[in-house]
Amino acid sequence: PINYNIPKRFPRNLNELKLHITDSTRKA
């Protein structure tokens, strides 16, 4: 399932990058 709360753009800061990696870790 896709997490729609995560910004669908390239991370602009470390917090957004952490959100993307955390969501990818969840799916893995």
mmCIF file of all heavy atoms, coordinates in Angstrom:
data_MODEL
# 
_entry.id   MODEL 
# 
loop_
_atom_site.group_PDB 
_atom_site.id 
_atom_site.type_symbol 
_atom_site.label_atom_id 
_atom_site.label_alt_id 
_atom_site.label_comp_id 
_atom_site.label_asym_id 
_atom_site.label_entity_id 
_atom_site.label_seq_id 
_atom_site.pdbx_PDB_ins_code 
_atom_site.Cartn_x 
_atom_site.Cartn_y 
_atom_site.Cartn_z 
_atom_site.occupancy 
_atom_site.B_iso_or_equiv 
_atom_site.pdbx_formal_charge 
_atom_site.auth_seq_id 
_atom_site.auth_comp_id 
_atom_site.auth_asym_id 
_atom_site.auth_atom_id 
_atom_site.pdbx_PDB_model_num 
ATOM 1   N N   . PRO A 1 1  ? 0.826  -1.220 0.000  1.00 0.00 ? 1  PRO A N   1 
ATOM 2   C CA  . PRO A 1 1  ? 0.000  0.000  0.000  1.00 0.00 ? 1  PRO A CA  1 
ATOM 3   C C   . PRO A 1 1  ? 0.855  1.263  0.000  1.00 0.00 ? 1  PRO A C   1 
ATOM 4   O O   . PRO A 1 1  ? 1.899  1.329  0.648  1.00 0.00 ? 1  PRO A O   1 
ATOM 5   C CB  . PRO A 1 1  ? -0.811 -0.126 1.303  1.00 0.00 ? 1  PRO A CB  1 
ATOM 6   C CG  . PRO A 1 1  ? -0.812 -1.588 1.615  1.00 0.00 ? 1  PRO A CG  1 
ATOM 7   C CD  . PRO A 1 1  ? 0.495  -2.126 1.126  1.00 0.00 ? 1  PRO A CD  1 
ATOM 8   N N   . ILE A 1 2  ? 0.408  2.257  -0.748 1.00 0.00 ? 2  ILE A N   1 
ATOM 9   C CA  . ILE A 1 2  ? 1.133  3.518  -0.864 1.00 0.00 ? 2  ILE A CA  1 
ATOM 10  C C   . ILE A 1 2  ? 0.728  4.462  0.260  1.00 0.00 ? 2  ILE A C   1 
ATOM 11  O O   . ILE A 1 2  ? -0.460 4.581  0.587  1.00 0.00 ? 2  ILE A O   1 
ATOM 12  C CB  . ILE A 1 2  ? 0.859  4.179  -2.227 1.00 0.00 ? 2  ILE A CB  1 
ATOM 13  C CG1 . ILE A 1 2  ? 1.319  3.258  -3.355 1.00 0.00 ? 2  ILE A CG1 1 
ATOM 14  C CG2 . ILE A 1 2  ? 1.553  5.531  -2.336 1.00 0.00 ? 2  ILE A CG2 1 
ATOM 15  C CD1 . ILE A 1 2  ? 0.978  3.771  -4.742 1.00 0.00 ? 2  ILE A CD1 1 
ATOM 16  N N   . ASN A 1 3  ? 1.703  5.101  0.850  1.00 0.00 ? 3  ASN A N   1 
ATOM 17  C CA  . ASN A 1 3  ? 1.451  6.099  1.884  1.00 0.00 ? 3  ASN A CA  1 
ATOM 18  C C   . ASN A 1 3  ? 1.289  7.460  1.208  1.00 0.00 ? 3  ASN A C   1 
ATOM 19  O O   . ASN A 1 3  ? 2.258  8.057  0.741  1.00 0.00 ? 3  ASN A O   1 
ATOM 20  C CB  . ASN A 1 3  ? 2.610  6.127  2.877  1.00 0.00 ? 3  ASN A CB  1 
ATOM 21  C CG  . ASN A 1 3  ? 2.322  7.028  4.066  1.00 0.00 ? 3  ASN A CG  1 
ATOM 22  O OD1 . ASN A 1 3  ? 1.284  7.691  4.133  1.00 0.00 ? 3  ASN A OD1 1 
ATOM 23  N ND2 . ASN A 1 3  ? 3.244  7.056  5.022  1.00 0.00 ? 3  ASN A ND2 1 
ATOM 24  N N   . TYR A 1 4  ? 0.052  7.942  1.143  1.00 0.00 ? 4  TYR A N   1 
ATOM 25  C CA  . TYR A 1 4  ? -0.232 9.197  0.434  1.00 0.00 ? 4  TYR A CA  1 
ATOM 26  C C   . TYR A 1 4  ? 0.122  10.432 1.261  1.00 0.00 ? 4  TYR A C   1 
ATOM 27  O O   . TYR A 1 4  ? 0.015  11.555 0.754  1.00 0.00 ? 4  TYR A O   1 
ATOM 28  C CB  . TYR A 1 4  ? -1.711 9.251  0.036  1.00 0.00 ? 4  TYR A CB  1 
ATOM 29  C CG  . TYR A 1 4  ? -2.072 8.206  -0.989 1.00 0.00 ? 4  TYR A CG  1 
ATOM 30  C CD1 . TYR A 1 4  ? -2.668 7.005  -0.613 1.00 0.00 ? 4  TYR A CD1 1 
ATOM 31  C CD2 . TYR A 1 4  ? -1.814 8.419  -2.342 1.00 0.00 ? 4  TYR A CD2 1 
ATOM 32  C CE1 . TYR A 1 4  ? -2.997 6.042  -1.559 1.00 0.00 ? 4  TYR A CE1 1 
ATOM 33  C CE2 . TYR A 1 4  ? -2.146 7.465  -3.292 1.00 0.00 ? 4  TYR A CE2 1 
ATOM 34  C CZ  . TYR A 1 4  ? -2.736 6.281  -2.897 1.00 0.00 ? 4  TYR A CZ  1 
ATOM 35  O OH  . TYR A 1 4  ? -3.054 5.335  -3.834 1.00 0.00 ? 4  TYR A OH  1 
ATOM 36  N N   . ASN A 1 5  ? 0.547  10.243 2.504  1.00 0.00 ? 5  ASN A N   1 
ATOM 37  C CA  . ASN A 1 5  ? 0.932  11.382 3.335  1.00 0.00 ? 5  ASN A CA  1 
ATOM 38  C C   . ASN A 1 5  ? 2.357  11.857 3.058  1.00 0.00 ? 5  ASN A C   1 
ATOM 39  O O   . ASN A 1 5  ? 2.753  12.919 3.529  1.00 0.00 ? 5  ASN A O   1 
ATOM 40  C CB  . ASN A 1 5  ? 0.805  11.013 4.816  1.00 0.00 ? 5  ASN A CB  1 
ATOM 41  C CG  . ASN A 1 5  ? -0.627 10.716 5.214  1.00 0.00 ? 5  ASN A CG  1 
ATOM 42  O OD1 . ASN A 1 5  ? -1.562 11.365 4.719  1.00 0.00 ? 5  ASN A OD1 1 
ATOM 43  N ND2 . ASN A 1 5  ? -0.825 9.736  6.078  1.00 0.00 ? 5  ASN A ND2 1 
ATOM 44  N N   . ILE A 1 6  ? 3.110  11.059 2.299  1.00 0.00 ? 6  ILE A N   1 
ATOM 45  C CA  . ILE A 1 6  ? 4.486  11.432 1.986  1.00 0.00 ? 6  ILE A CA  1 
ATOM 46  C C   . ILE A 1 6  ? 4.498  12.308 0.739  1.00 0.00 ? 6  ILE A C   1 
ATOM 47  O O   . ILE A 1 6  ? 3.795  12.017 -0.240 1.00 0.00 ? 6  ILE A O   1 
ATOM 48  C CB  . ILE A 1 6  ? 5.347  10.173 1.769  1.00 0.00 ? 6  ILE A CB  1 
ATOM 49  C CG1 . ILE A 1 6  ? 5.386  9.353  3.053  1.00 0.00 ? 6  ILE A CG1 1 
ATOM 50  C CG2 . ILE A 1 6  ? 6.757  10.531 1.323  1.00 0.00 ? 6  ILE A CG2 1 
ATOM 51  C CD1 . ILE A 1 6  ? 6.151  8.070  2.928  1.00 0.00 ? 6  ILE A CD1 1 
ATOM 52  N N   . PRO A 1 7  ? 5.259  13.390 0.730  1.00 0.00 ? 7  PRO A N   1 
ATOM 53  C CA  . PRO A 1 7  ? 5.323  14.259 -0.455 1.00 0.00 ? 7  PRO A CA  1 
ATOM 54  C C   . PRO A 1 7  ? 5.814  13.491 -1.671 1.00 0.00 ? 7  PRO A C   1 
ATOM 55  O O   . PRO A 1 7  ? 6.801  12.757 -1.611 1.00 0.00 ? 7  PRO A O   1 
ATOM 56  C CB  . PRO A 1 7  ? 6.330  15.345 -0.044 1.00 0.00 ? 7  PRO A CB  1 
ATOM 57  C CG  . PRO A 1 7  ? 6.339  15.312 1.446  1.00 0.00 ? 7  PRO A CG  1 
ATOM 58  C CD  . PRO A 1 7  ? 6.063  13.906 1.848  1.00 0.00 ? 7  PRO A CD  1 
ATOM 59  N N   . LYS A 1 8  ? 5.101  13.649 -2.792 1.00 0.00 ? 8  LYS A N   1 
ATOM 60  C CA  . LYS A 1 8  ? 5.452  12.955 -4.021 1.00 0.00 ? 8  LYS A CA  1 
ATOM 61  C C   . LYS A 1 8  ? 6.409  13.808 -4.859 1.00 0.00 ? 8  LYS A C   1 
ATOM 62  O O   . LYS A 1 8  ? 6.188  14.059 -6.038 1.00 0.00 ? 8  LYS A O   1 
ATOM 63  C CB  . LYS A 1 8  ? 4.182  12.627 -4.813 1.00 0.00 ? 8  LYS A CB  1 
ATOM 64  C CG  . LYS A 1 8  ? 3.195  11.743 -4.063 1.00 0.00 ? 8  LYS A CG  1 
ATOM 65  C CD  . LYS A 1 8  ? 3.838  10.416 -3.684 1.00 0.00 ? 8  LYS A CD  1 
ATOM 66  C CE  . LYS A 1 8  ? 2.843  9.487  -3.010 1.00 0.00 ? 8  LYS A CE  1 
ATOM 67  N NZ  . LYS A 1 8  ? 2.396  9.973  -1.698 1.00 0.00 ? 8  LYS A NZ  1 
ATOM 68  N N   . ARG A 1 9  ? 7.464  14.258 -4.236 1.00 0.00 ? 9  ARG A N   1 
ATOM 69  C CA  . ARG A 1 9  ? 8.497  15.037 -4.918 1.00 0.00 ? 9  ARG A CA  1 
ATOM 70  C C   . ARG A 1 9  ? 9.852  14.623 -4.360 1.00 0.00 ? 9  ARG A C   1 
ATOM 71  O O   . ARG A 1 9  ? 9.934  13.932 -3.345 1.00 0.00 ? 9  ARG A O   1 
ATOM 72  C CB  . ARG A 1 9  ? 8.278  16.539 -4.704 1.00 0.00 ? 9  ARG A CB  1 
ATOM 73  C CG  . ARG A 1 9  ? 8.362  16.966 -3.251 1.00 0.00 ? 9  ARG A CG  1 
ATOM 74  C CD  . ARG A 1 9  ? 8.334  18.472 -3.085 1.00 0.00 ? 9  ARG A CD  1 
ATOM 75  N NE  . ARG A 1 9  ? 8.497  18.868 -1.692 1.00 0.00 ? 9  ARG A NE  1 
ATOM 76  C CZ  . ARG A 1 9  ? 7.508  19.077 -0.857 1.00 0.00 ? 9  ARG A CZ  1 
ATOM 77  N NH1 . ARG A 1 9  ? 6.242  18.956 -1.273 1.00 0.00 ? 9  ARG A NH1 1 
ATOM 78  N NH2 . ARG A 1 9  ? 7.741  19.422 0.401  1.00 0.00 ? 9  ARG A NH2 1 
ATOM 79  N N   . PHE A 1 10 ? 10.886 15.044 -5.072 1.00 0.00 ? 10 PHE A N   1 
ATOM 80  C CA  . PHE A 1 10 ? 12.223 14.721 -4.606 1.00 0.00 ? 10 PHE A CA  1 
ATOM 81  C C   . PHE A 1 10 ? 12.482 15.403 -3.267 1.00 0.00 ? 10 PHE A C   1 
ATOM 82  O O   . PHE A 1 10 ? 12.121 16.577 -3.088 1.00 0.00 ? 10 PHE A O   1 
ATOM 83  C CB  . PHE A 1 10 ? 13.271 15.165 -5.625 1.00 0.00 ? 10 PHE A CB  1 
ATOM 84  C CG  . PHE A 1 10 ? 14.627 14.566 -5.385 1.00 0.00 ? 10 PHE A CG  1 
ATOM 85  C CD1 . PHE A 1 10 ? 14.920 13.292 -5.836 1.00 0.00 ? 10 PHE A CD1 1 
ATOM 86  C CD2 . PHE A 1 10 ? 15.594 15.268 -4.687 1.00 0.00 ? 10 PHE A CD2 1 
ATOM 87  C CE1 . PHE A 1 10 ? 16.162 12.726 -5.615 1.00 0.00 ? 10 PHE A CE1 1 
ATOM 88  C CE2 . PHE A 1 10 ? 16.835 14.716 -4.460 1.00 0.00 ? 10 PHE A CE2 1 
ATOM 89  C CZ  . PHE A 1 10 ? 17.129 13.441 -4.925 1.00 0.00 ? 10 PHE A CZ  1 
ATOM 90  N N   . PRO A 1 11 ? 13.054 14.701 -2.288 1.00 0.00 ? 11 PRO A N   1 
ATOM 91  C CA  . PRO A 1 11 ? 13.249 15.289 -0.948 1.00 0.00 ? 11 PRO A CA  1 
ATOM 92  C C   . PRO A 1 11 ? 14.027 16.602 -1.003 1.00 0.00 ? 11 PRO A C   1 
ATOM 93  O O   . PRO A 1 11 ? 15.078 16.694 -1.632 1.00 0.00 ? 11 PRO A O   1 
ATOM 94  C CB  . PRO A 1 11 ? 14.052 14.208 -0.200 1.00 0.00 ? 11 PRO A CB  1 
ATOM 95  C CG  . PRO A 1 11 ? 13.885 12.968 -0.977 1.00 0.00 ? 11 PRO A CG  1 
ATOM 96  C CD  . PRO A 1 11 ? 13.578 13.324 -2.370 1.00 0.00 ? 11 PRO A CD  1 
ATOM 97  N N   . ARG A 1 12 ? 13.492 17.592 -0.315 1.00 0.00 ? 12 ARG A N   1 
ATOM 98  C CA  . ARG A 1 12 ? 14.132 18.906 -0.267 1.00 0.00 ? 12 ARG A CA  1 
ATOM 99  C C   . ARG A 1 12 ? 14.951 19.104 1.003  1.00 0.00 ? 12 ARG A C   1 
ATOM 100 O O   . ARG A 1 12 ? 15.714 20.061 1.098  1.00 0.00 ? 12 ARG A O   1 
ATOM 101 C CB  . ARG A 1 12 ? 13.081 20.000 -0.377 1.00 0.00 ? 12 ARG A CB  1 
ATOM 102 C CG  . ARG A 1 12 ? 12.301 19.961 -1.689 1.00 0.00 ? 12 ARG A CG  1 
ATOM 103 C CD  . ARG A 1 12 ? 11.242 21.028 -1.743 1.00 0.00 ? 12 ARG A CD  1 
ATOM 104 N NE  . ARG A 1 12 ? 10.497 20.969 -3.005 1.00 0.00 ? 12 ARG A NE  1 
ATOM 105 C CZ  . ARG A 1 12 ? 9.456  21.767 -3.293 1.00 0.00 ? 12 ARG A CZ  1 
ATOM 106 N NH1 . ARG A 1 12 ? 9.046  22.662 -2.402 1.00 0.00 ? 12 ARG A NH1 1 
ATOM 107 N NH2 . ARG A 1 12 ? 8.848  21.646 -4.458 1.00 0.00 ? 12 ARG A NH2 1 
ATOM 108 N N   . ASN A 1 13 ? 14.784 18.218 1.957  1.00 0.00 ? 13 ASN A N   1 
ATOM 109 C CA  . ASN A 1 13 ? 15.560 18.293 3.193  1.00 0.00 ? 13 ASN A CA  1 
ATOM 110 C C   . ASN A 1 13 ? 15.705 16.885 3.761  1.00 0.00 ? 13 ASN A C   1 
ATOM 111 O O   . ASN A 1 13 ? 15.151 15.909 3.216  1.00 0.00 ? 13 ASN A O   1 
ATOM 112 C CB  . ASN A 1 13 ? 14.894 19.240 4.203  1.00 0.00 ? 13 ASN A CB  1 
ATOM 113 C CG  . ASN A 1 13 ? 13.417 18.914 4.409  1.00 0.00 ? 13 ASN A CG  1 
ATOM 114 O OD1 . ASN A 1 13 ? 13.058 17.791 4.744  1.00 0.00 ? 13 ASN A OD1 1 
ATOM 115 N ND2 . ASN A 1 13 ? 12.555 19.917 4.179  1.00 0.00 ? 13 ASN A ND2 1 
ATOM 116 N N   . LEU A 1 14 ? 16.442 16.793 4.857  1.00 0.00 ? 14 LEU A N   1 
ATOM 117 C CA  . LEU A 1 14 ? 16.703 15.483 5.449  1.00 0.00 ? 14 LEU A CA  1 
ATOM 118 C C   . LEU A 1 14 ? 15.447 14.843 6.017  1.00 0.00 ? 14 LEU A C   1 
ATOM 119 O O   . LEU A 1 14 ? 15.315 13.610 6.010  1.00 0.00 ? 14 LEU A O   1 
ATOM 120 C CB  . LEU A 1 14 ? 17.768 15.621 6.543  1.00 0.00 ? 14 LEU A CB  1 
ATOM 121 C CG  . LEU A 1 14 ? 19.190 15.932 6.063  1.00 0.00 ? 14 LEU A CG  1 
ATOM 122 C CD1 . LEU A 1 14 ? 20.129 16.107 7.245  1.00 0.00 ? 14 LEU A CD1 1 
ATOM 123 C CD2 . LEU A 1 14 ? 19.696 14.828 5.134  1.00 0.00 ? 14 LEU A CD2 1 
ATOM 124 N N   . ASN A 1 15 ? 14.516 15.660 6.499  1.00 0.00 ? 15 ASN A N   1 
ATOM 125 C CA  . ASN A 1 15 ? 13.293 15.094 7.061  1.00 0.00 ? 15 ASN A CA  1 
ATOM 126 C C   . ASN A 1 15 ? 12.450 14.397 5.981  1.00 0.00 ? 15 ASN A C   1 
ATOM 127 O O   . ASN A 1 15 ? 11.912 13.306 6.214  1.00 0.00 ? 15 ASN A O   1 
ATOM 128 C CB  . ASN A 1 15 ? 12.468 16.201 7.723  1.00 0.00 ? 15 ASN A CB  1 
ATOM 129 C CG  . ASN A 1 15 ? 13.100 16.697 9.016  1.00 0.00 ? 15 ASN A CG  1 
ATOM 130 O OD1 . ASN A 1 15 ? 13.782 15.939 9.706  1.00 0.00 ? 15 ASN A OD1 1 
ATOM 131 N ND2 . ASN A 1 15 ? 12.899 17.969 9.340  1.00 0.00 ? 15 ASN A ND2 1 
ATOM 132 N N   . GLU A 1 16 ? 12.336 15.030 4.806  1.00 0.00 ? 16 GLU A N   1 
ATOM 133 C CA  . GLU A 1 16 ? 11.599 14.389 3.718  1.00 0.00 ? 16 GLU A CA  1 
ATOM 134 C C   . GLU A 1 16 ? 12.310 13.138 3.226  1.00 0.00 ? 16 GLU A C   1 
ATOM 135 O O   . GLU A 1 16 ? 11.672 12.132 2.900  1.00 0.00 ? 16 GLU A O   1 
ATOM 136 C CB  . GLU A 1 16 ? 11.406 15.384 2.570  1.00 0.00 ? 16 GLU A CB  1 
ATOM 137 C CG  . GLU A 1 16 ? 10.434 16.514 2.893  1.00 0.00 ? 16 GLU A CG  1 
ATOM 138 C CD  . GLU A 1 16 ? 10.142 17.364 1.673  1.00 0.00 ? 16 GLU A CD  1 
ATOM 139 O OE1 . GLU A 1 16 ? 10.695 17.065 0.593  1.00 0.00 ? 16 GLU A OE1 1 
ATOM 140 O OE2 . GLU A 1 16 ? 9.361  18.321 1.800  1.00 0.00 ? 16 GLU A OE2 1 
ATOM 141 N N   . LEU A 1 17 ? 13.652 13.180 3.168  1.00 0.00 ? 17 LEU A N   1 
ATOM 142 C CA  . LEU A 1 17 ? 14.404 11.989 2.783  1.00 0.00 ? 17 LEU A CA  1 
ATOM 143 C C   . LEU A 1 17 ? 14.183 10.859 3.779  1.00 0.00 ? 17 LEU A C   1 
ATOM 144 O O   . LEU A 1 17 ? 14.024 9.690  3.396  1.00 0.00 ? 17 LEU A O   1 
ATOM 145 C CB  . LEU A 1 17 ? 15.893 12.321 2.677  1.00 0.00 ? 17 LEU A CB  1 
ATOM 146 C CG  . LEU A 1 17 ? 16.823 11.160 2.322  1.00 0.00 ? 17 LEU A CG  1 
ATOM 147 C CD1 . LEU A 1 17 ? 16.469 10.584 0.955  1.00 0.00 ? 17 LEU A CD1 1 
ATOM 148 C CD2 . LEU A 1 17 ? 18.285 11.606 2.362  1.00 0.00 ? 17 LEU A CD2 1 
ATOM 149 N N   . LYS A 1 18 ? 14.145 11.204 5.057  1.00 0.00 ? 18 LYS A N   1 
ATOM 150 C CA  . LYS A 1 18 ? 13.908 10.192 6.087  1.00 0.00 ? 18 LYS A CA  1 
ATOM 151 C C   . LYS A 1 18 ? 12.518 9.590  5.941  1.00 0.00 ? 18 LYS A C   1 
ATOM 152 O O   . LYS A 1 18 ? 12.331 8.379  6.137  1.00 0.00 ? 18 LYS A O   1 
ATOM 153 C CB  . LYS A 1 18 ? 14.079 10.821 7.474  1.00 0.00 ? 18 LYS A CB  1 
ATOM 154 C CG  . LYS A 1 18 ? 13.933 9.830  8.607  1.00 0.00 ? 18 LYS A CG  1 
ATOM 155 C CD  . LYS A 1 18 ? 14.158 10.501 9.955  1.00 0.00 ? 18 LYS A CD  1 
ATOM 156 C CE  . LYS A 1 18 ? 13.987 9.502  11.087 1.00 0.00 ? 18 LYS A CE  1 
ATOM 157 N NZ  . LYS A 1 18 ? 14.193 10.145 12.416 1.00 0.00 ? 18 LYS A NZ  1 
ATOM 158 N N   . LEU A 1 19 ? 11.522 10.421 5.579  1.00 0.00 ? 19 LEU A N   1 
ATOM 159 C CA  . LEU A 1 19 ? 10.175 9.900  5.372  1.00 0.00 ? 19 LEU A CA  1 
ATOM 160 C C   . LEU A 1 19 ? 10.147 8.895  4.223  1.00 0.00 ? 19 LEU A C   1 
ATOM 161 O O   . LEU A 1 19 ? 9.509  7.838  4.325  1.00 0.00 ? 19 LEU A O   1 
ATOM 162 C CB  . LEU A 1 19 ? 9.207  11.058 5.094  1.00 0.00 ? 19 LEU A CB  1 
ATOM 163 C CG  . LEU A 1 19 ? 8.858  11.971 6.268  1.00 0.00 ? 19 LEU A CG  1 
ATOM 164 C CD1 . LEU A 1 19 ? 7.986  13.126 5.791  1.00 0.00 ? 19 LEU A CD1 1 
ATOM 165 C CD2 . LEU A 1 19 ? 8.129  11.184 7.352  1.00 0.00 ? 19 LEU A CD2 1 
ATOM 166 N N   . HIS A 1 20 ? 10.824 9.217  3.129  1.00 0.00 ? 20 HIS A N   1 
ATOM 167 C CA  . HIS A 1 20 ? 10.851 8.316  1.977  1.00 0.00 ? 20 HIS A CA  1 
ATOM 168 C C   . HIS A 1 20 ? 11.534 6.996  2.329  1.00 0.00 ? 20 HIS A C   1 
ATOM 169 O O   . HIS A 1 20 ? 11.046 5.913  1.981  1.00 0.00 ? 20 HIS A O   1 
ATOM 170 C CB  . HIS A 1 20 ? 11.577 8.988  0.813  1.00 0.00 ? 20 HIS A CB  1 
ATOM 171 C CG  . HIS A 1 20 ? 10.750 9.999  0.083  1.00 0.00 ? 20 HIS A CG  1 
ATOM 172 N ND1 . HIS A 1 20 ? 9.655  9.662  -0.680 1.00 0.00 ? 20 HIS A ND1 1 
ATOM 173 C CD2 . HIS A 1 20 ? 10.864 11.350 -0.001 1.00 0.00 ? 20 HIS A CD2 1 
ATOM 174 C CE1 . HIS A 1 20 ? 9.125  10.744 -1.213 1.00 0.00 ? 20 HIS A CE1 1 
ATOM 175 N NE2 . HIS A 1 20 ? 9.849  11.798 -0.815 1.00 0.00 ? 20 HIS A NE2 1 
ATOM 176 N N   . ILE A 1 21 ? 12.677 7.070  3.003  1.00 0.00 ? 21 ILE A N   1 
ATOM 177 C CA  . ILE A 1 21 ? 13.409 5.850  3.349  1.00 0.00 ? 21 ILE A CA  1 
ATOM 178 C C   . ILE A 1 21 ? 12.622 5.017  4.355  1.00 0.00 ? 21 ILE A C   1 
ATOM 179 O O   . ILE A 1 21 ? 12.591 3.782  4.270  1.00 0.00 ? 21 ILE A O   1 
ATOM 180 C CB  . ILE A 1 21 ? 14.803 6.212  3.886  1.00 0.00 ? 21 ILE A CB  1 
ATOM 181 C CG1 . ILE A 1 21 ? 15.647 6.856  2.775  1.00 0.00 ? 21 ILE A CG1 1 
ATOM 182 C CG2 . ILE A 1 21 ? 15.518 4.973  4.432  1.00 0.00 ? 21 ILE A CG2 1 
ATOM 183 C CD1 . ILE A 1 21 ? 17.011 7.300  3.232  1.00 0.00 ? 21 ILE A CD1 1 
ATOM 184 N N   . THR A 1 22 ? 11.963 5.682  5.301  1.00 0.00 ? 22 THR A N   1 
ATOM 185 C CA  . THR A 1 22 ? 11.152 4.951  6.280  1.00 0.00 ? 22 THR A CA  1 
ATOM 186 C C   . THR A 1 22 ? 10.007 4.216  5.603  1.00 0.00 ? 22 THR A C   1 
ATOM 187 O O   . THR A 1 22 ? 9.698  3.059  5.939  1.00 0.00 ? 22 THR A O   1 
ATOM 188 C CB  . THR A 1 22 ? 10.606 5.923  7.334  1.00 0.00 ? 22 THR A CB  1 
ATOM 189 O OG1 . THR A 1 22 ? 11.699 6.586  7.984  1.00 0.00 ? 22 THR A OG1 1 
ATOM 190 C CG2 . THR A 1 22 ? 9.785  5.184  8.373  1.00 0.00 ? 22 THR A CG2 1 
ATOM 191 N N   . ASP A 1 23 ? 9.371  4.867  4.627  1.00 0.00 ? 23 ASP A N   1 
ATOM 192 C CA  . ASP A 1 23 ? 8.272  4.221  3.917  1.00 0.00 ? 23 ASP A CA  1 
ATOM 193 C C   . ASP A 1 23 ? 8.787  3.060  3.063  1.00 0.00 ? 23 ASP A C   1 
ATOM 194 O O   . ASP A 1 23 ? 8.141  2.009  2.984  1.00 0.00 ? 23 ASP A O   1 
ATOM 195 C CB  . ASP A 1 23 ? 7.555  5.244  3.039  1.00 0.00 ? 23 ASP A CB  1 
ATOM 196 C CG  . ASP A 1 23 ? 6.305  4.671  2.402  1.00 0.00 ? 23 ASP A CG  1 
ATOM 197 O OD1 . ASP A 1 23 ? 5.405  4.228  3.143  1.00 0.00 ? 23 ASP A OD1 1 
ATOM 198 O OD2 . ASP A 1 23 ? 6.242  4.632  1.156  1.00 0.00 ? 23 ASP A OD2 1 
ATOM 199 N N   . SER A 1 24 ? 9.938  3.237  2.432  1.00 0.00 ? 24 SER A N   1 
ATOM 200 C CA  . SER A 1 24 ? 10.519 2.141  1.655  1.00 0.00 ? 24 SER A CA  1 
ATOM 201 C C   . SER A 1 24 ? 10.896 0.970  2.552  1.00 0.00 ? 24 SER A C   1 
ATOM 202 O O   . SER A 1 24 ? 10.714 -0.193 2.180  1.00 0.00 ? 24 SER A O   1 
ATOM 203 C CB  . SER A 1 24 ? 11.752 2.631  0.892  1.00 0.00 ? 24 SER A CB  1 
ATOM 204 O OG  . SER A 1 24 ? 11.396 3.584  -0.084 1.00 0.00 ? 24 SER A OG  1 
ATOM 205 N N   . THR A 1 25 ? 11.406 1.278  3.730  1.00 0.00 ? 25 THR A N   1 
ATOM 206 C CA  . THR A 1 25 ? 11.740 0.216  4.683  1.00 0.00 ? 25 THR A CA  1 
ATOM 207 C C   . THR A 1 25 ? 10.487 -0.529 5.122  1.00 0.00 ? 25 THR A C   1 
ATOM 208 O O   . THR A 1 25 ? 10.509 -1.758 5.290  1.00 0.00 ? 25 THR A O   1 
ATOM 209 C CB  . THR A 1 25 ? 12.462 0.813  5.896  1.00 0.00 ? 25 THR A CB  1 
ATOM 210 O OG1 . THR A 1 25 ? 13.620 1.530  5.456  1.00 0.00 ? 25 THR A OG1 1 
ATOM 211 C CG2 . THR A 1 25 ? 12.887 -0.272 6.872  1.00 0.00 ? 25 THR A CG2 1 
ATOM 212 N N   . ARG A 1 26 ? 9.399  0.215  5.300  1.00 0.00 ? 26 ARG A N   1 
ATOM 213 C CA  . ARG A 1 26 ? 8.129  -0.429 5.662  1.00 0.00 ? 26 ARG A CA  1 
ATOM 214 C C   . ARG A 1 26 ? 7.684  -1.410 4.582  1.00 0.00 ? 26 ARG A C   1 
ATOM 215 O O   . ARG A 1 26 ? 7.294  -2.551 4.879  1.00 0.00 ? 26 ARG A O   1 
ATOM 216 C CB  . ARG A 1 26 ? 7.058  0.636  5.862  1.00 0.00 ? 26 ARG A CB  1 
ATOM 217 C CG  . ARG A 1 26 ? 5.642  0.074  6.033  1.00 0.00 ? 26 ARG A CG  1 
ATOM 218 C CD  . ARG A 1 26 ? 4.599  1.180  6.028  1.00 0.00 ? 26 ARG A CD  1 
ATOM 219 N NE  . ARG A 1 26 ? 4.545  1.872  4.744  1.00 0.00 ? 26 ARG A NE  1 
ATOM 220 C CZ  . ARG A 1 26 ? 3.852  1.433  3.684  1.00 0.00 ? 26 ARG A CZ  1 
ATOM 221 N NH1 . ARG A 1 26 ? 3.185  0.272  3.748  1.00 0.00 ? 26 ARG A NH1 1 
ATOM 222 N NH2 . ARG A 1 26 ? 3.828  2.128  2.562  1.00 0.00 ? 26 ARG A NH2 1 
ATOM 223 N N   . LYS A 1 27 ? 7.768  -1.003 3.328  1.00 0.00 ? 27 LYS A N   1 
ATOM 224 C CA  . LYS A 1 27 ? 7.342  -1.874 2.237  1.00 0.00 ? 27 LYS A CA  1 
ATOM 225 C C   . LYS A 1 27 ? 8.274  -3.079 2.083  1.00 0.00 ? 27 LYS A C   1 
ATOM 226 O O   . LYS A 1 27 ? 7.811  -4.191 1.800  1.00 0.00 ? 27 LYS A O   1 
ATOM 227 C CB  . LYS A 1 27 ? 7.280  -1.073 0.937  1.00 0.00 ? 27 LYS A CB  1 
ATOM 228 C CG  . LYS A 1 27 ? 6.176  -0.019 0.931  1.00 0.00 ? 27 LYS A CG  1 
ATOM 229 C CD  . LYS A 1 27 ? 5.914  0.533  -0.450 1.00 0.00 ? 27 LYS A CD  1 
ATOM 230 C CE  . LYS A 1 27 ? 7.048  1.396  -0.927 1.00 0.00 ? 27 LYS A CE  1 
ATOM 231 N NZ  . LYS A 1 27 ? 6.735  2.035  -2.250 1.00 0.00 ? 27 LYS A NZ  1 
ATOM 232 N N   . ALA A 1 28 ? 9.566  -2.869 2.278  1.00 0.00 ? 28 ALA A N   1 
ATOM 233 C CA  . ALA A 1 28 ? 10.510 -3.985 2.196  1.00 0.00 ? 28 ALA A CA  1 
ATOM 234 C C   . ALA A 1 28 ? 10.273 -4.981 3.324  1.00 0.00 ? 28 ALA A C   1 
ATOM 235 O O   . ALA A 1 28 ? 10.303 -6.203 3.113  1.00 0.00 ? 28 ALA A O   1 
ATOM 236 C CB  . ALA A 1 28 ? 11.942 -3.465 2.230  1.00 0.00 ? 28 ALA A CB  1 
# 
